[in-house]
Amino acid sequence: MAVRQADVVLVGGGVMSATLGMMLRQLDPSLDIVMVERLDHVAHESTDGWNNAGTGHAGYCELNYTPESDDGDVAIERALQINAQFEVSLQLWSYLVEQGILPEPSSFINRTPHQSFVWGEKDVAFLKRRFERLSAHHLFREMEYTESPNDLEEWMPLVVKNRDPMQRVAATRIRHGSDVDFGSLTRSMVKWLETQPNFELMTSCPVHYIDQRDNGRWKVRVKNQKTGELTKLEAGFVFLGAGGGALPLLQKSGIDEARGYGGFPVSGQWLVCRKPDVVEQHHSKVYGKAPIGAPPMSVPHLDTRIINGEPALLFGPFAGFTTRFLKQGSIFDLLGSVKPTNLRPMLSVSKSNMDLTRYLIGEVFQSHADRVESLRNFFPEAKEEDWQLRMAGQRVQIIKQVDDGGGKLEFGTEIVAAKDGTLAALLGASPGASTAANAMINVIERCFPEKIKTPEWQGRMRELVPSYGQSLVNDEALLSKVRERTLSTLKLG
């Protein structure tokens, strides 16, 4: 068996691993980095353009990031946090474009206004209150609100055309929202990394074994599916950025911090329209409110998408239940993830989330006509024959043990790191890829604590992300400076 020594092993060829690899390469070009991917090319699972919403999640239009309390107030803290985190990604991408590492911005990011749309007295009142709370903060100062038919016809002509004039509707808009092709972005980053010394990409190489040696280094055994060759990688640091596959690998690692974690897989589907005369009439991302019991990834939205340079309209996603943790995974993934350490949390969650279970069952049994009828809430004139169903990616929501030994279903992303900092894993789903840069900074701070304190790494990090170590939520002048640069560099202004 071949043995390959490395400083860093990145498991998974998606946007998270690519972002971490890119940042580590910029911080210390001498690091020997190996990326292993189970498929025959990178960015083909959750990161692929067709497998995610492609929304640059910034809290502009996603109503689930601003929950409403029983007294009618709207909590905006999560939206502020996600917006600031997305600004970190924009700064990193701007730096990489300026350095010629990433290609023309339009190859992976395009200006696409972010809009929220609601109907009915209750939801209109909610959206207006949300607008008042958010627009008072500098992160959301550019947000617009309207109930005017003329404005709505300009903002979202497909959505308001031939709608019942007696139905009360409202919308908000941020003009500098974005559509991101995370697949193209990731492939561009990995392509550049492959040109650098001390970097190796191993495709068609799933991980079969992972264990920590007595000296603290990790053994990662992979098998090339094309040649049958086994390779043992030995590294001082391992990152598990394998999407839904990260949880089983984290469990195999045996670290104490993995105890109690489980996963709840959810599949997705899109309605897709490529008919030019329809696509050309809509240029925005329009988000509505999620049905009661729906997971956050199922917030309905009608999106302009540009994937691999081709425009299309997507509506959905429509959720479904699956036992696979990856789109190209095994039907035994869920069963195989059940361990003595997470059995009680998983049973607890299954008992307390019956609304979600009923919702997913209903989604599975929808017909094409049912799905198009849901679309007509956003596009009243939608025709069944113009829309085709396409599978989206898999997401594994986090099940996390709570103090009483039971479990809680989490809908965000979470980094689980070994106490010695030699291994980290990223679990969860939305907002996911949009906050990759911020998440990977978190990994670096937790797993390279001494190096990140050095003047060299501090200085390099501020070149990559000028706002590093400062708060965009609290510092209006800093946000103004940062946003002016990123909107100009990435051509979103």
Protein backbone atom coordinates (compact mmCIF):
# COMPACT_ATOMS: atom_id res chain seq x y z
CA MET A 1 0.00 0.00 0.00
CA ALA A 2 1.32 3.42 -0.98
CA VAL A 3 1.82 5.89 1.89
CA ARG A 4 1.47 9.61 1.24
CA GLN A 5 2.57 12.12 3.88
CA ALA A 6 0.82 15.48 3.97
CA ASP A 7 0.19 18.45 6.23
CA VAL A 8 -3.51 18.71 5.40
CA VAL A 9 -6.07 16.28 3.99
CA LEU A 10 -9.34 17.75 2.69
CA VAL A 11 -12.07 15.13 2.36
CA GLY A 12 -14.63 16.18 -0.24
CA GLY A 13 -14.27 18.24 -3.39
CA GLY A 14 -16.98 20.80 -2.69
CA VAL A 15 -17.01 24.51 -1.96
CA MET A 16 -16.08 24.11 1.73
CA SER A 17 -12.93 22.07 1.14
CA ALA A 18 -11.96 24.24 -1.82
CA THR A 19 -12.38 27.41 0.25
CA LEU A 20 -10.34 26.02 3.14
CA GLY A 21 -7.65 24.78 0.76
CA MET A 22 -7.50 28.16 -0.94
CA MET A 23 -7.24 30.08 2.34
CA LEU A 24 -4.56 27.79 3.76
CA ARG A 25 -2.58 28.05 0.52
CA GLN A 26 -2.71 31.85 0.75
CA LEU A 27 -1.75 31.82 4.43
CA ASP A 28 1.14 29.37 4.06
CA PRO A 29 2.20 28.28 0.53
CA SER A 30 4.54 25.66 2.00
CA LEU A 31 1.71 23.49 3.36
CA ASP A 32 1.39 20.11 1.60
CA ILE A 33 -2.34 19.67 0.89
CA VAL A 34 -4.20 16.64 -0.49
CA MET A 35 -7.86 16.80 -1.53
CA VAL A 36 -9.72 13.49 -1.90
CA GLU A 37 -13.08 13.21 -3.69
CA ARG A 38 -15.22 10.06 -3.96
CA LEU A 39 -16.62 11.01 -7.39
CA ASP A 40 -14.67 11.38 -10.63
CA HIS A 41 -14.67 15.17 -10.52
CA VAL A 42 -15.13 17.94 -7.97
CA ALA A 43 -18.25 19.97 -7.14
CA HIS A 44 -20.65 17.27 -8.30
CA GLU A 45 -22.73 16.73 -5.15
CA SER A 46 -24.20 19.50 -2.97
CA THR A 47 -21.98 22.17 -4.59
CA ASP A 48 -23.18 21.49 -8.14
CA GLY A 49 -25.25 24.36 -9.54
CA TRP A 50 -28.34 22.19 -10.01
CA ASN A 51 -28.15 20.79 -6.48
CA ASN A 52 -28.59 24.02 -4.51
CA ALA A 53 -30.57 27.24 -4.67
CA GLY A 54 -27.64 29.29 -5.96
CA THR A 55 -28.78 32.16 -3.77
CA GLY A 56 -26.07 34.28 -2.27
CA HIS A 57 -27.74 33.89 1.13
CA ALA A 58 -27.58 37.29 2.79
CA GLY A 59 -30.89 37.40 4.65
CA TYR A 60 -32.31 39.85 2.13
CA CYS A 61 -35.23 37.74 0.95
CA GLU A 62 -35.25 34.57 3.08
CA LEU A 63 -38.15 35.08 5.47
CA ASN A 64 -37.21 32.09 7.64
CA TYR A 65 -34.15 34.02 8.88
CA THR A 66 -36.46 36.59 10.53
CA PRO A 67 -38.97 34.64 12.65
CA GLU A 68 -42.09 36.30 13.99
CA SER A 69 -42.83 36.14 17.70
CA ASP A 70 -46.26 35.56 19.22
CA ASP A 71 -46.64 39.28 19.91
CA GLY A 72 -45.99 40.17 16.26
CA ASP A 73 -42.39 41.34 16.66
CA VAL A 74 -39.74 40.23 14.15
CA ALA A 75 -36.33 38.94 15.25
CA ILE A 76 -33.57 40.13 12.89
CA GLU A 77 -30.42 38.93 14.64
CA ARG A 78 -29.95 35.83 12.48
CA ALA A 79 -30.45 37.83 9.28
CA LEU A 80 -27.79 40.32 10.44
CA GLN A 81 -25.38 37.50 11.23
CA ILE A 82 -25.87 35.74 7.88
CA ASN A 83 -25.58 39.01 5.95
CA ALA A 84 -22.27 39.82 7.62
CA GLN A 85 -21.02 36.28 6.96
CA PHE A 86 -21.90 36.51 3.28
CA GLU A 87 -19.97 39.77 3.08
CA VAL A 88 -16.92 37.79 4.22
CA SER A 89 -17.34 35.44 1.23
CA LEU A 90 -17.71 38.42 -1.11
CA GLN A 91 -14.45 39.88 0.21
CA LEU A 92 -12.55 36.64 -0.35
CA TRP A 93 -13.94 36.21 -3.86
CA SER A 94 -13.08 39.85 -4.65
CA TYR A 95 -9.48 39.30 -3.57
CA LEU A 96 -9.21 36.15 -5.69
CA VAL A 97 -10.62 37.98 -8.72
CA GLU A 98 -8.23 40.89 -8.23
CA GLN A 99 -5.28 38.48 -8.05
CA GLY A 100 -6.34 36.70 -11.23
CA ILE A 101 -6.94 33.46 -9.33
CA LEU A 102 -10.64 33.44 -10.15
CA PRO A 103 -11.87 34.25 -13.67
CA GLU A 104 -14.33 36.91 -14.80
CA PRO A 105 -16.91 37.27 -11.97
CA SER A 106 -19.88 36.62 -14.27
CA SER A 107 -18.60 33.05 -14.65
CA PHE A 108 -19.71 32.32 -11.08
CA ILE A 109 -21.70 35.27 -9.68
CA ASN A 110 -24.28 37.58 -11.23
CA ARG A 111 -26.36 40.44 -9.93
CA THR A 112 -29.89 39.17 -9.29
CA PRO A 113 -32.23 41.28 -7.12
CA HIS A 114 -33.42 39.54 -3.97
CA GLN A 115 -37.13 39.98 -3.33
CA SER A 116 -39.65 38.72 -0.78
CA PHE A 117 -43.28 38.38 -1.83
CA VAL A 118 -46.32 37.69 0.37
CA TRP A 119 -50.09 37.80 0.11
CA GLY A 120 -52.90 38.09 2.66
CA GLU A 121 -53.41 40.60 5.47
CA LYS A 122 -51.37 38.72 8.10
CA ASP A 123 -48.31 38.11 5.95
CA VAL A 124 -48.35 41.63 4.51
CA ALA A 125 -48.32 43.01 8.07
CA PHE A 126 -45.38 40.69 8.87
CA LEU A 127 -43.39 41.75 5.80
CA LYS A 128 -43.94 45.44 6.55
CA ARG A 129 -42.76 45.00 10.12
CA ARG A 130 -39.76 42.98 8.88
CA PHE A 131 -38.88 45.77 6.46
CA GLU A 132 -39.09 48.39 9.21
CA ARG A 133 -36.79 46.42 11.49
CA LEU A 134 -34.22 45.46 8.84
CA SER A 135 -34.03 48.73 6.89
CA ALA A 136 -33.23 50.60 10.11
CA HIS A 137 -29.92 48.70 10.22
CA HIS A 138 -27.02 49.72 7.96
CA LEU A 139 -26.61 46.18 6.56
CA PHE A 140 -30.11 46.42 5.05
CA ARG A 141 -30.41 50.16 4.45
CA GLU A 142 -30.94 49.71 0.70
CA MET A 143 -34.03 47.54 1.20
CA GLU A 144 -37.21 48.78 -0.53
CA TYR A 145 -40.84 47.99 0.35
CA THR A 146 -43.95 48.28 -1.77
CA GLU A 147 -47.60 47.35 -2.03
CA SER A 148 -47.98 49.37 -5.24
CA PRO A 149 -49.26 47.41 -8.29
CA ASN A 150 -47.09 49.56 -10.57
CA ASP A 151 -43.93 48.84 -8.56
CA LEU A 152 -44.71 45.15 -8.39
CA GLU A 153 -45.26 44.98 -12.14
CA GLU A 154 -41.79 46.46 -12.60
CA TRP A 155 -40.11 44.31 -9.93
CA MET A 156 -41.65 40.93 -10.75
CA PRO A 157 -43.87 40.98 -13.86
CA LEU A 158 -44.43 37.22 -13.99
CA VAL A 159 -45.56 37.15 -10.37
CA VAL A 160 -48.23 39.85 -10.57
CA LYS A 161 -49.54 39.33 -14.11
CA ASN A 162 -53.25 38.40 -14.04
CA ARG A 163 -53.29 38.10 -10.26
CA ASP A 164 -56.54 38.71 -8.38
CA PRO A 165 -56.64 42.53 -7.95
CA MET A 166 -58.54 42.12 -4.68
CA GLN A 167 -55.75 40.08 -3.09
CA ARG A 168 -53.54 42.21 -0.87
CA VAL A 169 -49.86 41.69 -1.68
CA ALA A 170 -46.51 43.22 -0.72
CA ALA A 171 -42.85 42.83 -1.56
CA THR A 172 -39.38 43.94 -0.53
CA ARG A 173 -36.32 44.26 -2.73
CA ILE A 174 -32.55 44.54 -2.49
CA ARG A 175 -31.12 45.32 -5.92
CA HIS A 176 -27.57 44.07 -5.31
CA GLY A 177 -28.58 40.49 -4.46
CA SER A 178 -26.76 37.73 -6.30
CA ASP A 179 -27.08 34.37 -8.01
CA VAL A 180 -24.02 32.20 -7.37
CA ASP A 181 -22.97 29.15 -9.37
CA PHE A 182 -21.08 27.44 -6.56
CA GLY A 183 -20.11 24.58 -8.86
CA SER A 184 -18.28 26.87 -11.28
CA LEU A 185 -16.74 28.80 -8.38
CA THR A 186 -15.40 25.63 -6.79
CA ARG A 187 -14.06 24.18 -10.03
CA SER A 188 -12.19 27.44 -10.67
CA MET A 189 -10.61 27.40 -7.21
CA VAL A 190 -9.55 23.76 -7.47
CA LYS A 191 -8.22 24.31 -11.00
CA TRP A 192 -5.93 27.04 -9.66
CA LEU A 193 -4.88 24.97 -6.65
CA GLU A 194 -3.82 22.17 -9.00
CA THR A 195 -1.31 24.54 -10.61
CA GLN A 196 0.39 25.10 -7.25
CA PRO A 197 3.22 23.05 -5.74
CA ASN A 198 2.43 20.79 -2.79
CA PHE A 199 -1.21 20.26 -3.80
CA GLU A 200 -2.70 17.00 -5.04
CA LEU A 201 -6.26 16.18 -6.09
CA MET A 202 -7.29 12.52 -5.85
CA THR A 203 -10.65 11.82 -7.53
CA SER A 204 -12.66 8.56 -7.54
CA CYS A 205 -11.15 7.95 -4.10
CA PRO A 206 -13.69 7.40 -1.29
CA VAL A 207 -12.40 7.22 2.27
CA HIS A 208 -12.65 3.71 3.75
CA TYR A 209 -10.85 4.21 7.05
CA ILE A 210 -9.85 7.07 9.32
CA ASP A 211 -8.03 6.79 12.63
CA GLN A 212 -5.70 8.84 14.78
CA ARG A 213 -2.24 7.47 15.58
CA ASP A 214 -0.53 7.71 18.96
CA ASN A 215 1.60 10.61 17.69
CA GLY A 216 -1.54 12.65 16.96
CA ARG A 217 -1.35 12.33 13.18
CA TRP A 218 -4.28 10.91 11.23
CA LYS A 219 -4.33 7.87 8.99
CA VAL A 220 -6.83 8.19 6.11
CA ARG A 221 -7.15 5.18 3.82
CA VAL A 222 -8.64 5.71 0.36
CA LYS A 223 -9.27 3.33 -2.52
CA ASN A 224 -9.16 4.42 -6.16
CA GLN A 225 -12.38 3.10 -7.69
CA LYS A 226 -10.87 3.01 -11.17
CA THR A 227 -7.56 1.27 -10.47
CA GLY A 228 -8.31 -0.49 -7.17
CA GLU A 229 -5.15 1.00 -5.67
CA LEU A 230 -5.15 1.61 -1.92
CA THR A 231 -3.40 4.70 -0.55
CA LYS A 232 -2.76 5.53 3.09
CA LEU A 233 -2.59 9.25 3.75
CA GLU A 234 -0.96 10.50 6.93
CA ALA A 235 -1.61 14.10 7.94
CA GLY A 236 -1.46 16.45 10.87
CA PHE A 237 -4.88 17.93 10.07
CA VAL A 238 -7.98 16.48 8.41
CA PHE A 239 -11.08 18.42 7.31
CA LEU A 240 -14.29 16.53 6.61
CA GLY A 241 -16.14 18.71 4.11
CA ALA A 242 -18.04 15.92 2.40
CA GLY A 243 -21.59 17.30 2.59
CA GLY A 244 -23.96 14.59 3.76
CA GLY A 245 -21.00 12.21 3.87
CA ALA A 246 -19.31 14.20 6.65
CA LEU A 247 -21.37 12.70 9.49
CA PRO A 248 -20.47 9.03 8.83
CA LEU A 249 -16.80 10.00 8.47
CA LEU A 250 -16.95 12.02 11.69
CA GLN A 251 -18.37 8.96 13.43
CA LYS A 252 -15.56 6.79 12.02
CA SER A 253 -12.98 9.22 13.42
CA GLY A 254 -13.98 8.26 16.95
CA ILE A 255 -13.39 11.71 18.45
CA ASP A 256 -15.33 12.44 21.64
CA GLU A 257 -16.88 15.56 20.13
CA ALA A 258 -18.81 13.43 17.61
CA ARG A 259 -20.88 11.75 20.32
CA GLY A 260 -24.61 12.47 20.19
CA TYR A 261 -24.71 13.81 16.63
CA GLY A 262 -27.14 12.29 14.16
CA GLY A 263 -28.55 13.25 10.81
CA PHE A 264 -31.96 13.64 9.17
CA PRO A 265 -31.69 13.45 5.36
CA VAL A 266 -34.00 15.48 3.14
CA SER A 267 -34.07 15.32 -0.65
CA GLY A 268 -35.13 18.10 -3.00
CA GLN A 269 -36.61 18.68 -6.43
CA TRP A 270 -36.97 21.71 -8.70
CA LEU A 271 -39.42 22.69 -11.39
CA VAL A 272 -37.25 24.02 -14.23
CA CYS A 273 -38.21 26.21 -17.18
CA ARG A 274 -35.84 26.98 -20.05
CA LYS A 275 -38.44 28.50 -22.40
CA PRO A 276 -36.79 31.77 -23.54
CA ASP A 277 -39.93 33.92 -23.68
CA VAL A 278 -40.69 32.98 -20.05
CA VAL A 279 -37.13 33.12 -18.70
CA GLU A 280 -36.55 36.57 -20.17
CA GLN A 281 -39.46 38.05 -18.20
CA HIS A 282 -38.05 37.27 -14.76
CA HIS A 283 -34.74 38.53 -13.40
CA SER A 284 -34.76 38.11 -9.62
CA LYS A 285 -35.03 35.67 -6.77
CA VAL A 286 -38.50 35.87 -5.24
CA TYR A 287 -38.91 34.13 -1.88
CA GLY A 288 -42.19 33.47 -0.07
CA LYS A 289 -43.10 31.99 3.31
CA ALA A 290 -42.56 28.31 4.05
CA PRO A 291 -45.56 26.06 4.74
CA ILE A 292 -46.12 25.10 8.39
CA GLY A 293 -43.87 22.17 9.27
CA ALA A 294 -41.55 22.61 6.29
CA PRO A 295 -37.77 22.60 6.77
CA PRO A 296 -35.99 25.89 5.93
CA MET A 297 -34.55 24.42 2.72
CA SER A 298 -38.15 24.16 1.47
CA VAL A 299 -38.94 27.88 1.53
CA PRO A 300 -40.61 28.36 -1.89
CA HIS A 301 -38.88 30.67 -4.34
CA LEU A 302 -38.93 31.50 -8.05
CA ASP A 303 -35.35 32.06 -9.15
CA THR A 304 -33.40 33.39 -12.06
CA ARG A 305 -30.44 31.01 -12.36
CA ILE A 306 -27.31 31.09 -14.50
CA ILE A 307 -25.67 27.66 -14.32
CA ASN A 308 -22.61 26.94 -16.44
CA GLY A 309 -23.43 30.13 -18.33
CA GLU A 310 -26.99 29.06 -19.26
CA PRO A 311 -30.06 30.97 -17.98
CA ALA A 312 -33.11 29.18 -16.57
CA LEU A 313 -35.96 29.63 -14.10
CA LEU A 314 -36.25 27.35 -11.10
CA PHE A 315 -39.13 27.00 -8.67
CA GLY A 316 -39.14 25.03 -5.47
CA PRO A 317 -37.56 23.24 -3.85
CA PHE A 318 -40.01 20.44 -3.20
CA ALA A 319 -38.78 18.34 -0.30
CA GLY A 320 -38.96 14.60 0.06
CA PHE A 321 -37.79 11.92 2.42
CA THR A 322 -34.80 9.77 1.62
CA THR A 323 -32.49 7.48 3.55
CA ARG A 324 -29.49 8.56 1.45
CA PHE A 325 -27.03 11.08 2.85
CA LEU A 326 -25.69 11.90 -0.62
CA LYS A 327 -27.41 12.13 -3.98
CA GLN A 328 -25.17 9.32 -5.15
CA GLY A 329 -25.17 7.61 -1.76
CA SER A 330 -26.58 4.39 -0.35
CA ILE A 331 -30.13 3.69 0.84
CA PHE A 332 -28.48 2.34 4.02
CA ASP A 333 -26.82 5.68 4.91
CA LEU A 334 -29.40 6.63 7.55
CA LEU A 335 -29.50 3.21 9.18
CA GLY A 336 -25.71 3.02 9.21
CA SER A 337 -25.48 6.37 11.01
CA VAL A 338 -27.49 5.15 14.01
CA LYS A 339 -25.08 4.46 16.88
CA PRO A 340 -25.50 3.82 20.62
CA THR A 341 -24.27 7.37 21.26
CA ASN A 342 -26.96 9.04 19.12
CA LEU A 343 -29.88 6.61 19.31
CA ARG A 344 -31.75 8.47 22.04
CA PRO A 345 -31.38 11.94 20.40
CA MET A 346 -32.57 10.54 17.05
CA LEU A 347 -35.60 8.80 18.61
CA SER A 348 -36.42 11.97 20.52
CA VAL A 349 -36.33 14.07 17.36
CA SER A 350 -38.46 11.61 15.37
CA LYS A 351 -41.12 11.77 18.10
CA SER A 352 -41.19 15.56 18.38
CA ASN A 353 -41.21 16.42 14.66
CA MET A 354 -44.41 14.82 13.41
CA ASP A 355 -45.39 17.99 11.51
CA LEU A 356 -42.20 17.71 9.49
CA THR A 357 -42.82 14.01 8.84
CA ARG A 358 -46.35 14.67 7.60
CA TYR A 359 -45.11 17.52 5.42
CA LEU A 360 -42.43 15.35 3.78
CA ILE A 361 -44.91 12.52 3.12
CA GLY A 362 -47.24 15.01 1.45
CA GLU A 363 -44.41 16.35 -0.69
CA VAL A 364 -43.42 12.86 -1.85
CA PHE A 365 -46.91 12.08 -3.14
CA GLN A 366 -47.45 15.33 -5.05
CA SER A 367 -48.19 15.06 -8.76
CA HIS A 368 -46.72 17.32 -11.44
CA ALA A 369 -50.05 19.19 -11.51
CA ASP A 370 -49.87 19.70 -7.72
CA ARG A 371 -46.39 21.18 -7.99
CA VAL A 372 -47.36 23.52 -10.81
CA GLU A 373 -50.36 24.62 -8.75
CA SER A 374 -47.92 25.64 -5.98
CA LEU A 375 -45.91 27.51 -8.61
CA ARG A 376 -49.02 29.48 -9.58
CA ASN A 377 -48.91 31.22 -6.19
CA PHE A 378 -45.83 32.93 -7.64
CA PHE A 379 -46.58 32.75 -11.37
CA PRO A 380 -50.35 32.67 -11.97
CA GLU A 381 -50.01 31.96 -15.72
CA ALA A 382 -47.60 29.00 -15.37
CA LYS A 383 -48.30 26.18 -17.86
CA GLU A 384 -47.57 22.57 -16.91
CA GLU A 385 -45.91 21.79 -20.24
CA ASP A 386 -43.31 24.57 -19.78
CA TRP A 387 -41.88 23.09 -16.57
CA GLN A 388 -39.95 19.87 -15.98
CA LEU A 389 -39.05 18.21 -12.68
CA ARG A 390 -35.36 17.92 -11.83
CA MET A 391 -33.72 16.34 -8.80
CA ALA A 392 -31.82 18.69 -6.53
CA GLY A 393 -29.21 17.70 -3.99
CA GLN A 394 -29.43 15.89 -0.67
CA ARG A 395 -29.19 17.71 2.65
CA VAL A 396 -28.61 16.16 6.05
CA GLN A 397 -30.05 18.27 8.85
CA ILE A 398 -28.23 18.04 12.17
CA ILE A 399 -29.65 16.09 15.09
CA LYS A 400 -27.85 17.29 18.18
CA GLN A 401 -27.91 15.92 21.71
CA VAL A 402 -29.27 18.31 24.37
CA ASP A 403 -28.58 18.41 28.10
CA ASP A 404 -31.30 15.93 29.10
CA GLY A 405 -29.95 13.32 26.65
CA GLY A 406 -32.69 13.90 24.10
CA GLY A 407 -32.22 15.48 20.71
CA LYS A 408 -32.89 18.68 18.80
CA LEU A 409 -33.21 19.08 15.05
CA GLU A 410 -30.97 21.93 13.85
CA PHE A 411 -31.39 23.59 10.46
CA GLY A 412 -28.16 25.55 10.23
CA THR A 413 -24.52 24.62 9.77
CA GLU A 414 -22.16 23.58 12.55
CA ILE A 415 -18.44 22.91 12.84
CA VAL A 416 -17.42 20.00 15.03
CA ALA A 417 -13.73 20.01 15.91
CA ALA A 418 -11.52 17.70 17.95
CA LYS A 419 -10.22 19.24 21.16
CA ASP A 420 -6.63 18.92 19.91
CA GLY A 421 -7.52 20.78 16.68
CA THR A 422 -6.30 18.01 14.39
CA LEU A 423 -9.69 17.25 12.82
CA ALA A 424 -12.78 19.28 11.95
CA ALA A 425 -16.06 18.49 10.20
CA LEU A 426 -18.78 20.68 8.77
CA LEU A 427 -22.32 19.42 9.34
CA GLY A 428 -25.72 20.74 8.31
CA ALA A 429 -27.29 22.69 5.47
CA SER A 430 -28.54 26.27 4.90
CA PRO A 431 -27.00 28.85 4.60
CA GLY A 432 -24.10 26.55 3.77
CA ALA A 433 -22.02 27.51 0.74
CA SER A 434 -22.82 31.22 0.96
CA THR A 435 -21.00 31.50 4.27
CA ALA A 436 -18.12 29.17 3.32
CA ALA A 437 -15.41 31.79 3.87
CA ASN A 438 -16.63 32.68 7.36
CA ALA A 439 -17.03 29.00 8.28
CA MET A 440 -13.51 28.17 7.13
CA ILE A 441 -12.07 31.10 9.07
CA ASN A 442 -13.75 29.52 12.09
CA VAL A 443 -12.03 26.20 11.27
CA ILE A 444 -8.64 27.91 10.93
CA GLU A 445 -9.03 29.76 14.23
CA ARG A 446 -10.01 26.58 16.08
CA CYS A 447 -7.56 24.19 14.44
CA PHE A 448 -4.53 26.43 13.80
CA PRO A 449 -4.78 28.62 16.94
CA GLU A 450 -1.08 29.38 17.30
CA LYS A 451 -0.42 30.11 13.63
CA ILE A 452 -3.41 32.42 13.23
CA LYS A 453 -2.05 34.55 16.08
CA THR A 454 1.23 35.20 14.26
CA PRO A 455 1.73 38.58 12.54
CA GLU A 456 2.27 36.79 9.21
CA TRP A 457 -1.07 34.95 9.25
CA GLN A 458 -2.91 37.97 10.71
CA GLY A 459 -1.62 40.19 7.93
CA ARG A 460 -2.39 37.68 5.19
CA MET A 461 -5.89 37.10 6.53
CA ARG A 462 -6.62 40.83 6.39
CA GLU A 463 -5.48 40.84 2.77
CA LEU A 464 -7.94 38.04 2.00
CA VAL A 465 -10.76 39.51 4.12
CA PRO A 466 -10.18 43.18 5.04
CA SER A 467 -12.90 43.11 7.73
CA TYR A 468 -11.23 40.19 9.53
CA GLY A 469 -11.38 40.59 13.30
CA GLN A 470 -13.92 43.41 13.09
CA SER A 471 -17.72 43.54 13.18
CA LEU A 472 -19.67 44.49 10.07
CA VAL A 473 -22.82 44.33 12.18
CA ASN A 474 -21.57 47.10 14.48
CA ASP A 475 -19.30 49.16 12.20
CA GLU A 476 -21.25 51.06 9.55
CA ALA A 477 -18.21 52.83 8.08
CA LEU A 478 -16.36 49.54 7.65
CA LEU A 479 -19.35 47.97 5.90
CA SER A 480 -19.61 50.92 3.53
CA LYS A 481 -15.95 50.59 2.57
CA VAL A 482 -16.09 46.82 2.18
CA ARG A 483 -19.34 46.75 0.24
CA GLU A 484 -18.25 49.48 -2.18
CA ARG A 485 -15.24 47.36 -3.13
CA THR A 486 -17.01 44.01 -3.43
CA LEU A 487 -19.96 45.31 -5.43
CA SER A 488 -17.55 46.96 -7.85
CA THR A 489 -15.08 44.07 -8.16
CA LEU A 490 -17.77 41.41 -8.55
CA LYS A 491 -19.93 43.65 -10.78
CA LEU A 492 -22.96 43.49 -8.51
CA GLY A 493 -23.45 47.25 -8.12
